[in-house]
């Protein structure tokens, strides 16, 4: 394991929710890490066609497979209903890519949904003047939630969704093995 693998684990958490506005509670994401975006294309149309459960299930599956792919390393992430965004260390790049390809395959074959997956290096985000800072809200011993500051996640998502630049950052399903562990996946 690289030393930066423990970045999120080592962040000091805060218990008071109001502390989420205090910038000193956040630490910059290491430059060698990646921002990973999984987003269902045309999710609004799919939901309007009555596929809300399918959209939500695929989004939930992305969280399950990435957490399994990054086992033994705590990573910050946010669930968005029609996708999720993760921050991962370089040591988990390949396993995360393979895991998300398995969800992309599931989305396409089982629900006819297109899961767009992209990965942007934090170094590139920072080089373009954007920031990603992470905080850890932990109101009890049994629950914690990553908190994000800065505009870097939005920037990464805009790159991945860009009709021209998107192909640079989107993962190529023809070049990446599809292998995911769906243990723990459930959507009630």
N, C-alpha and C. Protein backbone atom coordinates (compact mmCIF):
# COMPACT_ATOMS: atom_id res chain seq x y z
N UNK A 1 0.83 -1.19 0.00
CA UNK A 1 0.00 0.00 0.00
C UNK A 1 0.87 1.25 0.00
N UNK A 2 0.50 2.23 -0.79
CA UNK A 2 1.23 3.50 -0.76
C UNK A 2 0.88 4.24 0.52
N UNK A 3 1.76 5.15 0.90
CA UNK A 3 1.48 5.92 2.11
C UNK A 3 0.24 6.79 1.94
N UNK A 4 -0.04 7.25 0.73
CA UNK A 4 -1.22 8.10 0.55
C UNK A 4 -2.52 7.31 0.61
N UNK A 5 -2.44 5.98 0.57
CA UNK A 5 -3.66 5.16 0.67
C UNK A 5 -4.44 5.46 1.94
N UNK A 6 -3.77 5.85 2.98
CA UNK A 6 -4.41 6.10 4.28
C UNK A 6 -4.84 7.55 4.46
N UNK A 7 -4.80 8.34 3.39
CA UNK A 7 -5.15 9.75 3.46
C UNK A 7 -6.49 9.99 4.16
N UNK A 8 -7.55 9.36 3.68
CA UNK A 8 -8.87 9.62 4.23
C UNK A 8 -9.00 9.08 5.66
N UNK A 9 -8.42 7.95 5.92
CA UNK A 9 -8.46 7.36 7.26
C UNK A 9 -7.85 8.30 8.28
N UNK A 10 -6.79 8.99 7.89
CA UNK A 10 -6.05 9.83 8.82
C UNK A 10 -6.64 11.23 9.02
N UNK A 11 -7.64 11.57 8.25
CA UNK A 11 -8.28 12.88 8.44
C UNK A 11 -9.01 12.88 9.78
N UNK A 12 -8.77 13.93 10.55
CA UNK A 12 -9.46 14.07 11.84
C UNK A 12 -10.91 14.44 11.57
N UNK A 13 -11.82 13.67 12.15
CA UNK A 13 -13.24 13.91 11.92
C UNK A 13 -13.78 15.01 12.83
N UNK A 14 -14.96 15.51 12.48
CA UNK A 14 -15.65 16.46 13.35
C UNK A 14 -17.05 15.93 13.65
N UNK A 15 -17.55 16.23 14.84
CA UNK A 15 -18.84 15.69 15.30
C UNK A 15 -20.00 16.67 15.13
N UNK A 16 -19.71 17.95 15.16
CA UNK A 16 -20.75 18.97 15.04
C UNK A 16 -21.00 19.27 13.58
N UNK A 17 -22.23 19.09 13.15
CA UNK A 17 -22.55 19.30 11.74
C UNK A 17 -22.22 20.71 11.29
N UNK A 18 -22.38 21.68 12.16
CA UNK A 18 -22.12 23.08 11.78
C UNK A 18 -20.65 23.30 11.42
N UNK A 19 -19.77 22.38 11.80
CA UNK A 19 -18.35 22.51 11.45
C UNK A 19 -18.08 22.29 9.96
N UNK A 20 -19.08 21.81 9.21
CA UNK A 20 -18.85 21.58 7.79
C UNK A 20 -18.54 22.88 7.05
N UNK A 21 -18.84 24.02 7.64
CA UNK A 21 -18.54 25.30 7.00
C UNK A 21 -17.14 25.82 7.35
N UNK A 22 -16.47 25.17 8.28
CA UNK A 22 -15.14 25.63 8.73
C UNK A 22 -14.06 25.00 7.84
N UNK A 23 -13.43 25.81 7.01
CA UNK A 23 -12.45 25.33 6.05
C UNK A 23 -11.27 24.63 6.70
N UNK A 24 -10.95 24.99 7.93
CA UNK A 24 -9.81 24.34 8.61
C UNK A 24 -10.09 22.87 8.93
N UNK A 25 -11.32 22.43 8.76
CA UNK A 25 -11.69 21.02 8.99
C UNK A 25 -11.45 20.17 7.74
N UNK A 26 -10.97 20.77 6.66
CA UNK A 26 -10.79 20.08 5.38
C UNK A 26 -9.31 20.00 5.01
N UNK A 27 -8.98 18.95 4.27
CA UNK A 27 -7.61 18.75 3.79
C UNK A 27 -7.68 18.51 2.29
N UNK A 28 -6.73 19.09 1.56
CA UNK A 28 -6.70 18.92 0.10
C UNK A 28 -6.48 17.46 -0.27
N UNK A 29 -7.22 17.00 -1.27
CA UNK A 29 -7.04 15.66 -1.80
C UNK A 29 -5.63 15.56 -2.38
N UNK A 30 -4.90 14.48 -2.09
CA UNK A 30 -3.54 14.35 -2.63
C UNK A 30 -3.54 14.41 -4.16
N UNK A 31 -2.51 15.06 -4.72
CA UNK A 31 -2.43 15.25 -6.16
C UNK A 31 -2.35 13.95 -6.94
N UNK A 32 -1.85 12.87 -6.32
CA UNK A 32 -1.73 11.61 -7.05
C UNK A 32 -3.04 10.81 -7.08
N UNK A 33 -4.05 11.25 -6.36
CA UNK A 33 -5.34 10.58 -6.33
C UNK A 33 -6.14 10.91 -7.60
N UNK A 34 -7.27 10.21 -7.75
CA UNK A 34 -8.16 10.39 -8.89
C UNK A 34 -9.57 10.71 -8.41
N UNK A 35 -10.26 11.52 -9.18
CA UNK A 35 -11.69 11.74 -8.99
C UNK A 35 -12.39 10.87 -10.02
N UNK A 36 -13.28 10.01 -9.54
CA UNK A 36 -13.99 9.06 -10.40
C UNK A 36 -15.47 9.44 -10.38
N UNK A 37 -16.03 9.58 -11.58
CA UNK A 37 -17.44 9.95 -11.70
C UNK A 37 -18.16 8.83 -12.44
N UNK A 38 -19.25 8.35 -11.85
CA UNK A 38 -20.15 7.38 -12.49
C UNK A 38 -21.51 8.07 -12.59
N UNK A 39 -22.03 8.14 -13.81
CA UNK A 39 -23.23 8.93 -14.05
C UNK A 39 -24.07 8.24 -15.12
N UNK A 40 -25.34 8.05 -14.85
CA UNK A 40 -26.23 7.43 -15.83
C UNK A 40 -26.66 8.50 -16.83
N UNK A 41 -26.32 8.27 -18.10
CA UNK A 41 -26.70 9.21 -19.15
C UNK A 41 -28.21 9.21 -19.32
N UNK A 42 -28.75 10.40 -19.53
CA UNK A 42 -30.19 10.58 -19.75
C UNK A 42 -31.03 10.00 -18.60
N UNK A 43 -30.53 10.16 -17.39
CA UNK A 43 -31.25 9.61 -16.23
C UNK A 43 -32.60 10.28 -16.03
N UNK A 44 -32.70 11.56 -16.35
CA UNK A 44 -33.99 12.26 -16.19
C UNK A 44 -35.04 11.62 -17.09
N UNK A 45 -34.67 11.34 -18.34
CA UNK A 45 -35.61 10.68 -19.26
C UNK A 45 -35.99 9.29 -18.74
N UNK A 46 -34.99 8.55 -18.24
CA UNK A 46 -35.26 7.21 -17.73
C UNK A 46 -36.23 7.26 -16.54
N UNK A 47 -36.03 8.22 -15.66
CA UNK A 47 -36.91 8.36 -14.50
C UNK A 47 -38.32 8.73 -14.95
N UNK A 48 -38.44 9.62 -15.94
CA UNK A 48 -39.75 10.00 -16.45
C UNK A 48 -40.47 8.83 -17.12
N UNK A 49 -39.69 7.85 -17.58
CA UNK A 49 -40.28 6.64 -18.18
C UNK A 49 -40.58 5.58 -17.11
N UNK A 50 -40.44 5.94 -15.85
CA UNK A 50 -40.76 5.00 -14.77
C UNK A 50 -39.61 4.12 -14.34
N UNK A 51 -38.38 4.45 -14.72
CA UNK A 51 -37.23 3.61 -14.38
C UNK A 51 -36.46 4.14 -13.17
N UNK A 52 -37.16 4.79 -12.25
CA UNK A 52 -36.49 5.35 -11.07
C UNK A 52 -35.73 4.29 -10.28
N UNK A 53 -36.38 3.16 -10.03
CA UNK A 53 -35.73 2.09 -9.24
C UNK A 53 -34.50 1.55 -9.96
N UNK A 54 -34.56 1.43 -11.26
CA UNK A 54 -33.44 0.92 -12.03
C UNK A 54 -32.26 1.90 -11.98
N UNK A 55 -32.57 3.19 -12.15
CA UNK A 55 -31.53 4.23 -12.08
C UNK A 55 -30.88 4.22 -10.71
N UNK A 56 -31.71 4.20 -9.67
CA UNK A 56 -31.20 4.21 -8.31
C UNK A 56 -30.41 2.94 -7.99
N UNK A 57 -30.86 1.80 -8.50
CA UNK A 57 -30.16 0.53 -8.27
C UNK A 57 -28.77 0.54 -8.89
N UNK A 58 -28.66 1.02 -10.10
CA UNK A 58 -27.35 1.07 -10.76
C UNK A 58 -26.42 2.02 -10.01
N UNK A 59 -26.94 3.15 -9.58
CA UNK A 59 -26.14 4.09 -8.81
C UNK A 59 -25.65 3.47 -7.51
N UNK A 60 -26.54 2.75 -6.85
CA UNK A 60 -26.17 2.07 -5.61
C UNK A 60 -25.13 0.99 -5.87
N UNK A 61 -25.27 0.31 -6.98
CA UNK A 61 -24.30 -0.74 -7.34
C UNK A 61 -22.90 -0.15 -7.53
N UNK A 62 -22.81 1.07 -8.05
CA UNK A 62 -21.48 1.68 -8.21
C UNK A 62 -20.79 1.83 -6.86
N UNK A 63 -21.56 2.20 -5.85
CA UNK A 63 -20.97 2.36 -4.51
C UNK A 63 -20.51 1.01 -3.97
N UNK A 64 -21.35 0.00 -4.10
CA UNK A 64 -20.99 -1.33 -3.58
C UNK A 64 -19.72 -1.86 -4.23
N UNK A 65 -19.64 -1.80 -5.56
CA UNK A 65 -18.47 -2.39 -6.23
C UNK A 65 -17.20 -1.58 -5.99
N UNK A 66 -17.31 -0.27 -5.91
CA UNK A 66 -16.10 0.53 -5.65
C UNK A 66 -15.61 0.31 -4.22
N UNK A 67 -16.52 0.26 -3.27
CA UNK A 67 -16.09 -0.01 -1.89
C UNK A 67 -15.45 -1.39 -1.77
N UNK A 68 -15.96 -2.37 -2.51
CA UNK A 68 -15.34 -3.70 -2.51
C UNK A 68 -13.99 -3.66 -3.23
N UNK A 69 -13.88 -2.89 -4.29
CA UNK A 69 -12.62 -2.80 -5.05
C UNK A 69 -11.54 -2.06 -4.28
N UNK A 70 -11.95 -1.22 -3.35
CA UNK A 70 -10.98 -0.46 -2.56
C UNK A 70 -10.91 -0.98 -1.13
N UNK A 71 -11.31 -2.22 -0.94
CA UNK A 71 -11.36 -2.82 0.40
C UNK A 71 -10.07 -2.55 1.18
N UNK A 72 -10.24 -2.35 2.44
CA UNK A 72 -9.17 -2.08 3.40
C UNK A 72 -8.59 -0.67 3.26
N UNK A 73 -9.18 0.14 2.40
CA UNK A 73 -8.78 1.54 2.30
C UNK A 73 -10.07 2.36 2.36
N UNK A 74 -10.12 3.31 3.29
CA UNK A 74 -11.27 4.21 3.36
C UNK A 74 -11.14 5.26 2.27
N UNK A 75 -12.22 5.45 1.53
CA UNK A 75 -12.22 6.47 0.48
C UNK A 75 -13.41 7.40 0.67
N UNK A 76 -13.25 8.66 0.32
CA UNK A 76 -14.40 9.57 0.35
C UNK A 76 -15.22 9.44 -0.92
N UNK A 77 -16.53 9.51 -0.77
CA UNK A 77 -17.41 9.45 -1.93
C UNK A 77 -18.73 10.14 -1.61
N UNK A 78 -19.48 10.42 -2.67
CA UNK A 78 -20.81 11.00 -2.51
C UNK A 78 -21.74 10.30 -3.50
N UNK A 79 -22.91 9.93 -3.01
CA UNK A 79 -23.93 9.26 -3.80
C UNK A 79 -24.88 10.32 -4.33
N UNK A 80 -25.20 10.24 -5.63
CA UNK A 80 -26.03 11.28 -6.22
C UNK A 80 -27.38 10.84 -6.73
N UNK A 81 -27.80 9.61 -6.52
CA UNK A 81 -29.10 9.15 -7.00
C UNK A 81 -29.05 8.60 -8.41
N UNK A 82 -28.39 9.33 -9.32
CA UNK A 82 -28.21 8.82 -10.68
C UNK A 82 -26.73 8.58 -10.98
N UNK A 83 -25.97 8.45 -9.91
CA UNK A 83 -24.54 8.20 -10.03
C UNK A 83 -23.85 8.44 -8.71
N UNK A 84 -22.55 8.43 -8.75
CA UNK A 84 -21.75 8.66 -7.55
C UNK A 84 -20.39 9.20 -7.97
N UNK A 85 -19.75 9.89 -7.04
CA UNK A 85 -18.41 10.40 -7.26
C UNK A 85 -17.53 9.89 -6.14
N UNK A 86 -16.35 9.41 -6.52
CA UNK A 86 -15.40 8.80 -5.59
C UNK A 86 -14.05 9.47 -5.72
N UNK A 87 -13.26 9.44 -4.67
CA UNK A 87 -11.86 9.85 -4.72
C UNK A 87 -11.05 8.63 -4.31
N UNK A 88 -10.14 8.22 -5.21
CA UNK A 88 -9.40 6.98 -4.96
C UNK A 88 -7.90 7.20 -5.11
N UNK A 89 -7.11 6.39 -4.38
CA UNK A 89 -5.65 6.47 -4.53
C UNK A 89 -5.21 5.72 -5.79
N UNK A 90 -4.00 6.00 -6.26
CA UNK A 90 -3.51 5.34 -7.48
C UNK A 90 -3.43 3.81 -7.34
N UNK A 91 -3.22 3.31 -6.15
CA UNK A 91 -3.12 1.85 -5.96
C UNK A 91 -4.43 1.13 -6.25
N UNK A 92 -5.54 1.85 -6.28
CA UNK A 92 -6.85 1.24 -6.51
C UNK A 92 -7.45 1.62 -7.86
N UNK A 93 -6.64 2.21 -8.73
CA UNK A 93 -7.13 2.65 -10.04
C UNK A 93 -7.64 1.49 -10.88
N UNK A 94 -6.84 0.46 -11.06
CA UNK A 94 -7.23 -0.65 -11.93
C UNK A 94 -8.42 -1.42 -11.37
N UNK A 95 -8.42 -1.71 -10.08
CA UNK A 95 -9.54 -2.47 -9.50
C UNK A 95 -10.84 -1.68 -9.56
N UNK A 96 -10.75 -0.37 -9.39
CA UNK A 96 -11.93 0.48 -9.48
C UNK A 96 -12.46 0.52 -10.92
N UNK A 97 -11.57 0.65 -11.88
CA UNK A 97 -11.99 0.66 -13.28
C UNK A 97 -12.72 -0.64 -13.63
N UNK A 98 -12.14 -1.78 -13.28
CA UNK A 98 -12.76 -3.08 -13.58
C UNK A 98 -14.11 -3.23 -12.91
N UNK A 99 -14.18 -2.79 -11.66
CA UNK A 99 -15.43 -2.89 -10.91
C UNK A 99 -16.53 -2.06 -11.57
N UNK A 100 -16.20 -0.85 -11.95
CA UNK A 100 -17.21 0.01 -12.58
C UNK A 100 -17.61 -0.48 -13.96
N UNK A 101 -16.69 -1.14 -14.65
CA UNK A 101 -17.05 -1.73 -15.94
C UNK A 101 -18.09 -2.83 -15.76
N UNK A 102 -18.00 -3.55 -14.64
CA UNK A 102 -19.00 -4.59 -14.35
C UNK A 102 -20.38 -3.96 -14.15
N UNK A 103 -20.43 -2.80 -13.51
CA UNK A 103 -21.71 -2.11 -13.31
C UNK A 103 -22.21 -1.56 -14.65
N UNK A 104 -21.31 -1.04 -15.46
CA UNK A 104 -21.69 -0.54 -16.78
C UNK A 104 -22.34 -1.66 -17.60
N UNK A 105 -21.74 -2.83 -17.53
CA UNK A 105 -22.28 -4.00 -18.25
C UNK A 105 -23.66 -4.38 -17.70
N UNK A 106 -23.80 -4.41 -16.39
CA UNK A 106 -25.08 -4.72 -15.75
C UNK A 106 -26.14 -3.70 -16.17
N UNK A 107 -25.79 -2.43 -16.15
CA UNK A 107 -26.74 -1.37 -16.52
C UNK A 107 -27.24 -1.55 -17.95
N UNK A 108 -26.32 -1.85 -18.84
CA UNK A 108 -26.67 -1.99 -20.25
C UNK A 108 -27.48 -3.25 -20.50
N UNK A 109 -27.01 -4.38 -19.98
CA UNK A 109 -27.66 -5.66 -20.27
C UNK A 109 -28.98 -5.87 -19.53
N UNK A 110 -29.06 -5.40 -18.30
CA UNK A 110 -30.26 -5.65 -17.52
C UNK A 110 -31.32 -4.55 -17.62
N UNK A 111 -30.88 -3.30 -17.80
CA UNK A 111 -31.82 -2.18 -17.75
C UNK A 111 -31.78 -1.28 -18.98
N UNK A 112 -30.91 -1.55 -19.92
CA UNK A 112 -30.75 -0.72 -21.12
C UNK A 112 -30.43 0.72 -20.77
N UNK A 113 -29.61 0.89 -19.72
CA UNK A 113 -29.14 2.20 -19.29
C UNK A 113 -27.65 2.31 -19.62
N UNK A 114 -27.22 3.52 -19.92
CA UNK A 114 -25.82 3.75 -20.24
C UNK A 114 -25.15 4.45 -19.07
N UNK A 115 -24.26 3.74 -18.41
CA UNK A 115 -23.51 4.29 -17.29
C UNK A 115 -22.22 4.89 -17.83
N UNK A 116 -22.10 6.19 -17.71
CA UNK A 116 -20.89 6.89 -18.14
C UNK A 116 -19.93 6.88 -16.96
N UNK A 117 -18.69 6.47 -17.21
CA UNK A 117 -17.69 6.38 -16.14
C UNK A 117 -16.44 7.12 -16.59
N UNK A 118 -15.95 7.98 -15.73
CA UNK A 118 -14.73 8.71 -16.05
C UNK A 118 -13.83 8.86 -14.85
N UNK A 119 -12.57 9.11 -15.14
CA UNK A 119 -11.56 9.23 -14.10
C UNK A 119 -10.64 10.41 -14.47
N UNK A 120 -10.51 11.35 -13.54
CA UNK A 120 -9.69 12.53 -13.78
C UNK A 120 -8.63 12.62 -12.69
N UNK A 121 -7.36 12.75 -13.07
CA UNK A 121 -6.31 12.90 -12.06
C UNK A 121 -6.48 14.21 -11.29
N UNK A 122 -6.29 14.13 -9.98
CA UNK A 122 -6.39 15.33 -9.16
C UNK A 122 -5.33 16.35 -9.58
N UNK A 123 -4.19 15.89 -10.03
CA UNK A 123 -3.14 16.82 -10.47
C UNK A 123 -3.64 17.70 -11.62
N UNK A 124 -4.40 17.14 -12.54
CA UNK A 124 -4.95 17.90 -13.66
C UNK A 124 -5.99 18.90 -13.16
N UNK A 125 -6.82 18.46 -12.23
CA UNK A 125 -7.85 19.34 -11.66
C UNK A 125 -7.17 20.55 -11.01
N UNK A 126 -6.14 20.28 -10.23
CA UNK A 126 -5.41 21.36 -9.55
C UNK A 126 -4.68 22.25 -10.55
N UNK A 127 -4.07 21.65 -11.58
CA UNK A 127 -3.36 22.43 -12.60
C UNK A 127 -4.28 23.41 -13.33
N UNK A 128 -5.57 23.09 -13.39
CA UNK A 128 -6.53 23.97 -14.06
C UNK A 128 -7.20 24.95 -13.08
N UNK A 129 -6.67 25.01 -11.85
CA UNK A 129 -7.13 26.01 -10.89
C UNK A 129 -8.32 25.60 -10.05
N UNK A 130 -8.62 24.32 -9.99
CA UNK A 130 -9.75 23.85 -9.20
C UNK A 130 -9.25 23.09 -7.97
N UNK A 131 -10.09 22.99 -6.96
CA UNK A 131 -9.71 22.37 -5.69
C UNK A 131 -10.71 21.30 -5.28
N UNK A 132 -10.19 20.30 -4.59
CA UNK A 132 -11.03 19.31 -3.90
C UNK A 132 -10.44 19.16 -2.51
N UNK A 133 -11.21 19.54 -1.51
CA UNK A 133 -10.81 19.36 -0.12
C UNK A 133 -11.82 18.45 0.54
N UNK A 134 -11.31 17.61 1.44
CA UNK A 134 -12.14 16.59 2.08
C UNK A 134 -12.20 16.82 3.58
N UNK A 135 -13.40 16.67 4.11
CA UNK A 135 -13.62 16.67 5.55
C UNK A 135 -14.35 15.39 5.91
N UNK A 136 -14.37 15.08 7.19
CA UNK A 136 -15.03 13.84 7.62
C UNK A 136 -15.96 14.16 8.79
N UNK A 137 -17.25 14.12 8.51
CA UNK A 137 -18.27 14.32 9.54
C UNK A 137 -18.57 12.97 10.17
N UNK A 138 -18.39 12.88 11.50
CA UNK A 138 -18.61 11.62 12.21
C UNK A 138 -19.35 11.89 13.52
N UNK A 139 -20.70 11.93 13.44
CA UNK A 139 -21.47 12.24 14.64
C UNK A 139 -21.51 11.10 15.66
N UNK A 140 -21.17 9.87 15.23
CA UNK A 140 -21.14 8.73 16.16
C UNK A 140 -20.04 7.77 15.74
N UNK A 141 -19.76 6.80 16.58
CA UNK A 141 -18.71 5.82 16.28
C UNK A 141 -19.09 4.93 15.09
N UNK A 142 -20.36 4.87 14.77
CA UNK A 142 -20.83 3.93 13.75
C UNK A 142 -21.22 4.59 12.42
N UNK A 143 -21.02 5.89 12.31
CA UNK A 143 -21.40 6.57 11.08
C UNK A 143 -20.41 7.69 10.78
N UNK A 144 -20.00 7.74 9.51
CA UNK A 144 -19.20 8.88 9.04
C UNK A 144 -19.61 9.21 7.61
N UNK A 145 -19.44 10.46 7.24
CA UNK A 145 -19.81 10.92 5.90
C UNK A 145 -18.73 11.86 5.40
N UNK A 146 -18.26 11.61 4.19
CA UNK A 146 -17.30 12.51 3.57
C UNK A 146 -17.99 13.82 3.24
N UNK A 147 -17.28 14.90 3.44
CA UNK A 147 -17.76 16.24 3.10
C UNK A 147 -16.74 16.83 2.13
N UNK A 148 -17.21 17.56 1.14
CA UNK A 148 -16.35 18.10 0.10
C UNK A 148 -16.45 19.61 0.04
N UNK A 149 -15.32 20.25 -0.20
CA UNK A 149 -15.24 21.69 -0.44
C UNK A 149 -14.49 21.90 -1.75
N UNK A 150 -14.76 22.98 -2.40
CA UNK A 150 -14.07 23.31 -3.64
C UNK A 150 -14.91 22.95 -4.85
N UNK A 151 -14.42 23.38 -6.01
CA UNK A 151 -15.16 23.21 -7.24
C UNK A 151 -14.57 22.11 -8.13
N UNK A 152 -13.65 21.32 -7.61
CA UNK A 152 -12.97 20.31 -8.40
C UNK A 152 -13.83 19.13 -8.81
N UNK A 153 -14.77 18.72 -7.96
CA UNK A 153 -15.66 17.61 -8.34
C UNK A 153 -16.54 18.02 -9.52
N UNK A 154 -17.08 19.24 -9.46
CA UNK A 154 -17.90 19.74 -10.56
C UNK A 154 -17.08 19.83 -11.85
N UNK A 155 -15.83 20.27 -11.72
CA UNK A 155 -14.98 20.38 -12.89
C UNK A 155 -14.72 19.00 -13.50
N UNK A 156 -14.41 18.02 -12.65
CA UNK A 156 -14.18 16.65 -13.15
C UNK A 156 -15.42 16.13 -13.87
N UNK A 157 -16.58 16.35 -13.29
CA UNK A 157 -17.83 15.90 -13.92
C UNK A 157 -18.05 16.60 -15.26
N UNK A 158 -17.73 17.89 -15.33
CA UNK A 158 -17.92 18.61 -16.59
C UNK A 158 -16.98 18.08 -17.67
N UNK A 159 -15.76 17.68 -17.30
CA UNK A 159 -14.85 17.09 -18.28
C UNK A 159 -15.38 15.77 -18.81
N UNK A 160 -15.89 14.96 -17.90
CA UNK A 160 -16.38 13.63 -18.27
C UNK A 160 -17.63 13.72 -19.14
N UNK A 161 -18.47 14.70 -18.88
CA UNK A 161 -19.71 14.86 -19.65
C UNK A 161 -19.53 15.68 -20.92
N UNK A 162 -18.38 16.29 -21.09
CA UNK A 162 -18.13 17.13 -22.25
C UNK A 162 -18.18 16.31 -23.53
N UNK A 163 -18.99 16.71 -24.52
CA UNK A 163 -19.11 15.93 -25.76
C UNK A 163 -17.79 15.77 -26.53
N UNK A 164 -16.88 16.72 -26.39
CA UNK A 164 -15.61 16.65 -27.11
C UNK A 164 -14.52 16.04 -26.23
N UNK A 165 -14.34 16.56 -25.03
CA UNK A 165 -13.26 16.11 -24.15
C UNK A 165 -13.61 14.83 -23.38
N UNK A 166 -14.87 14.51 -23.30
CA UNK A 166 -15.30 13.36 -22.50
C UNK A 166 -14.58 12.08 -22.85
N UNK A 167 -14.31 11.86 -24.11
CA UNK A 167 -13.65 10.62 -24.52
C UNK A 167 -12.25 10.49 -23.96
N UNK A 168 -11.62 11.61 -23.62
CA UNK A 168 -10.28 11.58 -23.02
C UNK A 168 -10.34 11.02 -21.60
N UNK A 169 -11.40 11.33 -20.88
CA UNK A 169 -11.50 10.97 -19.46
C UNK A 169 -12.42 9.79 -19.18
N UNK A 170 -13.31 9.48 -20.12
CA UNK A 170 -14.20 8.34 -19.91
C UNK A 170 -13.43 7.05 -20.08
N UNK A 171 -13.81 6.05 -19.29
CA UNK A 171 -13.15 4.75 -19.37
C UNK A 171 -13.66 3.99 -20.59
N UNK A 172 -12.75 3.35 -21.27
CA UNK A 172 -13.05 2.61 -22.50
C UNK A 172 -13.37 1.16 -22.16
N UNK A 173 -14.62 0.77 -22.35
CA UNK A 173 -15.05 -0.58 -21.99
C UNK A 173 -14.38 -1.66 -22.83
N UNK A 174 -13.83 -1.28 -23.98
CA UNK A 174 -13.16 -2.26 -24.83
C UNK A 174 -11.75 -2.58 -24.34
N UNK A 175 -11.20 -1.70 -23.51
CA UNK A 175 -9.82 -1.87 -23.05
C UNK A 175 -9.70 -2.26 -21.59
N UNK A 176 -10.81 -2.29 -20.87
CA UNK A 176 -10.77 -2.57 -19.44
C UNK A 176 -11.62 -3.79 -19.13
N UNK A 177 -11.02 -4.72 -18.41
CA UNK A 177 -11.73 -5.94 -18.01
C UNK A 177 -12.88 -5.59 -17.08
N UNK A 178 -14.00 -6.27 -17.28
CA UNK A 178 -15.18 -6.09 -16.45
C UNK A 178 -15.15 -7.14 -15.34
N UNK A 179 -14.87 -6.69 -14.11
CA UNK A 179 -14.78 -7.61 -12.98
C UNK A 179 -15.15 -6.87 -11.71
N UNK A 180 -16.33 -7.19 -11.20
CA UNK A 180 -16.79 -6.49 -10.00
C UNK A 180 -17.35 -7.43 -8.96
N UNK A 181 -17.15 -7.06 -7.72
CA UNK A 181 -17.69 -7.79 -6.58
C UNK A 181 -18.90 -7.01 -6.07
N UNK A 182 -20.10 -7.57 -6.24
CA UNK A 182 -21.34 -6.89 -5.87
C UNK A 182 -21.78 -7.22 -4.43
N UNK A 183 -20.90 -7.84 -3.66
CA UNK A 183 -21.24 -8.17 -2.27
C UNK A 183 -21.69 -6.92 -1.53
N UNK A 184 -22.81 -7.02 -0.82
CA UNK A 184 -23.33 -5.90 -0.07
C UNK A 184 -24.29 -5.03 -0.86
N UNK A 185 -24.44 -5.30 -2.15
CA UNK A 185 -25.34 -4.48 -2.98
C UNK A 185 -26.78 -4.86 -2.69
N UNK A 186 -27.54 -3.88 -2.29
CA UNK A 186 -28.98 -4.04 -2.14
C UNK A 186 -29.62 -2.69 -2.31
N UNK A 187 -30.78 -2.70 -2.87
CA UNK A 187 -31.52 -1.45 -3.08
C UNK A 187 -32.98 -1.73 -2.75
N UNK A 188 -33.40 -1.24 -1.62
CA UNK A 188 -34.76 -1.54 -1.15
C UNK A 188 -35.75 -0.50 -1.62
